[in-house]
Amino acid sequence: MKIFRSRKQLLAFFMPGFLIGIIYVNFVAKKYVAEPGIFSDYFLQQFQNTRIDGGEYIWYLIRLRLLPFLALFGLSCTKARKISAVLFLMWTGMSGGILISTAVLSLGIKGSMLCIVGIFPQFIFYIPAFLVLLWYCCSYPQTRWNRQKTVFVVLMLALGMILEMYVNPVLVRAFLAVM
C-alpha cells in the first residue's frame, strides 16, 4: 500500500468512512433517528441526575477503549496489519459520522456541541495513542515497535481514561446544565 507516504494520508480512509456514516444516518436510518434515544431530553436529564460509580465505570472504559486498541495491536503483529488499519480508520470514521449526524438531527447545533464536549479532553490523549499504532501498522517494516512507543501509548491511554473518568462527566453535566 503505497498510499501511506505521510500521516496525513490516514485521513484518506477516515474521511470516506465519516461521509458514509453521515449518508447512512440521513438516508438509510432516518426513521430510527426520530425515535427517542441517547439524544432525547429525557435521557440527557437522567444523565445529569445520575451518580457515576467509579469502580464500575473504569471497567467499562477499559472494555470500551483498551479492547479495541489491543485488538488492533494484535492485528498489527500479523500480515493483516495494513488492511486492519484501513478498516479501523473507516469504522472510526463511520462511527463518528453516525454519532454527529444523529446528534445534529436530534438536537441541532447543540448536538454537535455536545459531541465535542463528550470527547473532550480525553481524546486529546486517545488520538495520539491510536495514531502511533496506526502509523506503525501502515509503515511497517520501515518502522519497528519499540519500548518508547509502548511507554508513550500506555501513558496516553491511561491519561485519557483518567480524564474520561473524572473530568469528562463534570464537563458534560456543566454543558447540559447550560443547554
Protein backbone atom coordinates (compact mmCIF):
# COMPACT_ATOMS: atom_id res chain seq x y z
CA MET A 1 0.00 0.00 0.00
CA LYS A 2 1.99 2.91 -1.33
CA ILE A 3 -0.74 5.35 -0.28
CA PHE A 4 0.81 5.68 3.18
CA ARG A 5 3.54 8.21 2.50
CA SER A 6 2.59 10.63 5.26
CA ARG A 7 0.48 10.58 8.39
CA LYS A 8 -1.98 12.99 6.82
CA GLN A 9 -2.95 10.31 4.35
CA LEU A 10 -4.54 8.35 7.18
CA LEU A 11 -7.40 10.82 6.66
CA ALA A 12 -7.85 9.33 3.20
CA PHE A 13 -9.55 6.38 4.91
CA PHE A 14 -11.13 8.15 7.87
CA MET A 15 -12.99 10.81 5.88
CA PRO A 16 -14.79 8.47 3.43
CA GLY A 17 -15.95 6.44 6.44
CA PHE A 18 -17.16 9.67 8.05
CA LEU A 19 -19.08 10.57 4.89
CA ILE A 20 -20.60 7.07 4.71
CA GLY A 21 -21.78 7.46 8.32
CA ILE A 22 -23.44 10.78 7.54
CA ILE A 23 -25.10 9.39 4.42
CA TYR A 24 -26.27 6.33 6.34
CA VAL A 25 -28.00 8.40 9.02
CA ASN A 26 -29.56 10.84 6.57
CA PHE A 27 -30.83 8.38 4.00
CA VAL A 28 -30.99 4.87 5.45
CA ALA A 29 -31.59 5.19 9.20
CA LYS A 30 -33.58 8.42 9.30
CA LYS A 31 -36.64 6.69 10.77
CA TYR A 32 -34.55 5.27 13.64
CA VAL A 33 -33.13 8.70 14.46
CA ALA A 34 -36.65 10.03 15.00
CA GLU A 35 -37.17 7.53 17.86
CA PRO A 36 -36.12 8.55 21.37
CA GLY A 37 -32.51 7.66 22.06
CA ILE A 38 -29.43 8.94 23.80
CA PHE A 39 -30.03 12.45 22.50
CA SER A 40 -33.56 12.72 23.87
CA ASP A 41 -34.33 15.29 26.55
CA TYR A 42 -35.30 12.51 28.96
CA PHE A 43 -32.00 10.66 28.60
CA LEU A 44 -29.97 13.85 28.94
CA GLN A 45 -31.87 14.80 32.12
CA GLN A 46 -31.27 11.32 33.51
CA PHE A 47 -27.55 11.67 32.83
CA GLN A 48 -27.44 14.94 34.76
CA ASN A 49 -29.02 13.30 37.80
CA THR A 50 -27.05 10.03 37.72
CA ARG A 51 -24.12 9.41 40.03
CA ILE A 52 -21.29 7.54 38.31
CA ASP A 53 -19.77 4.62 40.23
CA GLY A 54 -16.03 4.89 39.60
CA GLY A 55 -15.34 1.20 40.16
CA GLU A 56 -17.80 0.09 37.52
CA TYR A 57 -17.01 2.94 35.15
CA ILE A 58 -13.29 2.16 34.98
CA TRP A 59 -14.04 -1.42 33.84
CA TYR A 60 -16.46 -0.04 31.27
CA LEU A 61 -13.77 2.33 29.99
CA ILE A 62 -11.19 -0.44 29.85
CA ARG A 63 -13.53 -2.54 27.73
CA LEU A 64 -14.53 0.40 25.57
CA ARG A 65 -11.09 1.94 24.99
CA LEU A 66 -8.47 -0.70 25.71
CA LEU A 67 -10.00 -3.74 23.99
CA PRO A 68 -10.18 -2.11 20.52
CA PHE A 69 -6.62 -0.90 20.96
CA LEU A 70 -5.42 -4.35 21.99
CA ALA A 71 -7.30 -5.95 19.09
CA LEU A 72 -5.67 -3.55 16.64
CA PHE A 73 -2.31 -4.10 18.31
CA GLY A 74 -2.75 -7.86 17.99
CA LEU A 75 -3.59 -7.47 14.32
CA SER A 76 -0.55 -5.23 13.90
CA CYS A 77 1.59 -8.30 14.65
CA THR A 78 0.14 -10.16 11.65
CA LYS A 79 0.35 -9.74 7.90
CA ALA A 80 -3.10 -8.14 8.01
CA ARG A 81 -1.76 -5.02 9.75
CA LYS A 82 -2.30 -2.58 6.87
CA ILE A 83 -5.78 -3.76 5.99
CA SER A 84 -6.63 -3.73 9.72
CA ALA A 85 -5.50 -0.10 9.95
CA VAL A 86 -7.60 0.84 6.91
CA LEU A 87 -10.69 -0.95 8.24
CA PHE A 88 -10.20 0.60 11.69
CA LEU A 89 -9.96 4.10 10.19
CA MET A 90 -13.06 3.57 8.06
CA TRP A 91 -15.01 2.10 11.02
CA THR A 92 -13.94 5.01 13.24
CA GLY A 93 -14.96 7.49 10.56
CA MET A 94 -18.35 5.82 10.09
CA SER A 95 -18.95 5.77 13.85
CA GLY A 96 -18.10 9.46 14.11
CA GLY A 97 -20.31 10.35 11.15
CA ILE A 98 -23.23 8.40 12.57
CA LEU A 99 -22.81 9.92 16.04
CA ILE A 100 -22.53 13.52 14.90
CA SER A 101 -25.33 13.20 12.34
CA THR A 102 -27.64 11.64 14.90
CA ALA A 103 -26.80 14.37 17.42
CA VAL A 104 -27.40 17.15 14.91
CA LEU A 105 -30.66 15.65 13.67
CA SER A 106 -31.90 15.26 17.24
CA LEU A 107 -30.60 18.44 18.90
CA GLY A 108 -29.39 20.73 16.12
CA ILE A 109 -26.18 22.66 16.67
CA LYS A 110 -26.37 21.83 20.39
CA GLY A 111 -25.95 18.19 19.41
CA SER A 112 -22.66 18.85 17.65
CA MET A 113 -21.50 20.89 20.64
CA LEU A 114 -22.50 18.02 22.94
CA CYS A 115 -20.40 15.64 20.83
CA ILE A 116 -17.37 17.94 21.13
CA VAL A 117 -17.83 18.24 24.90
CA GLY A 118 -18.35 14.48 25.09
CA ILE A 119 -14.95 13.67 23.61
CA PHE A 120 -13.04 16.42 25.37
CA PRO A 121 -10.44 16.26 26.99
CA GLN A 122 -9.76 12.51 26.78
CA PHE A 123 -9.48 12.30 23.01
CA ILE A 124 -6.50 14.67 23.17
CA PHE A 125 -4.72 11.61 24.59
CA TYR A 126 -6.52 8.77 22.80
CA ILE A 127 -5.90 10.12 19.30
CA PRO A 128 -2.08 10.23 19.55
CA ALA A 129 -2.02 6.73 21.07
CA PHE A 130 -4.07 5.29 18.22
CA LEU A 131 -2.17 7.30 15.60
CA VAL A 132 1.14 5.84 16.77
CA LEU A 133 -0.27 2.33 16.40
CA LEU A 134 -1.96 3.07 13.07
CA TRP A 135 1.19 4.64 11.68
CA TYR A 136 3.18 1.61 12.80
CA CYS A 137 0.67 -0.67 11.03
CA CYS A 138 0.93 1.32 7.83
CA SER A 139 4.67 1.94 7.74
CA TYR A 140 5.94 -1.49 8.80
CA PRO A 141 8.70 -2.70 8.07
CA GLN A 142 10.29 0.78 7.81
CA THR A 143 9.34 1.43 11.44
CA ARG A 144 9.52 -1.03 14.29
CA TRP A 145 7.63 -1.19 17.55
CA ASN A 146 9.88 -0.31 20.49
CA ARG A 147 9.82 0.44 24.18
CA GLN A 148 9.45 4.18 23.61
CA LYS A 149 6.25 3.67 21.60
CA THR A 150 4.94 1.29 24.26
CA VAL A 151 5.54 3.77 27.09
CA PHE A 152 4.00 6.62 25.10
CA VAL A 153 0.91 4.64 24.14
CA VAL A 154 0.31 3.25 27.63
CA LEU A 155 0.73 6.72 29.16
CA MET A 156 -1.62 8.33 26.62
CA LEU A 157 -4.30 5.67 27.08
CA ALA A 158 -4.04 5.83 30.88
CA LEU A 159 -4.26 9.63 30.94
CA GLY A 160 -7.20 9.53 28.52
CA MET A 161 -9.09 7.03 30.69
CA ILE A 162 -8.40 9.04 33.86
CA LEU A 163 -9.68 12.21 32.22
CA GLU A 164 -12.69 10.41 30.80
CA MET A 165 -13.49 9.02 34.22
CA TYR A 166 -13.09 12.15 36.34
CA VAL A 167 -13.14 15.27 34.15
CA ASN A 168 -15.45 14.45 31.24
CA PRO A 169 -18.62 13.74 33.29
CA VAL A 170 -18.20 17.10 35.02
CA LEU A 171 -17.83 18.91 31.68
CA VAL A 172 -20.82 17.13 30.13
CA ARG A 173 -23.00 17.89 33.17
CA ALA A 174 -21.96 21.54 33.07
CA PHE A 175 -22.76 21.73 29.36
CA LEU A 176 -26.14 20.06 29.85
CA ALA A 177 -26.97 22.46 32.68
CA VAL A 178 -26.33 25.41 30.35
CA MET A 179 -28.04 23.76 27.39
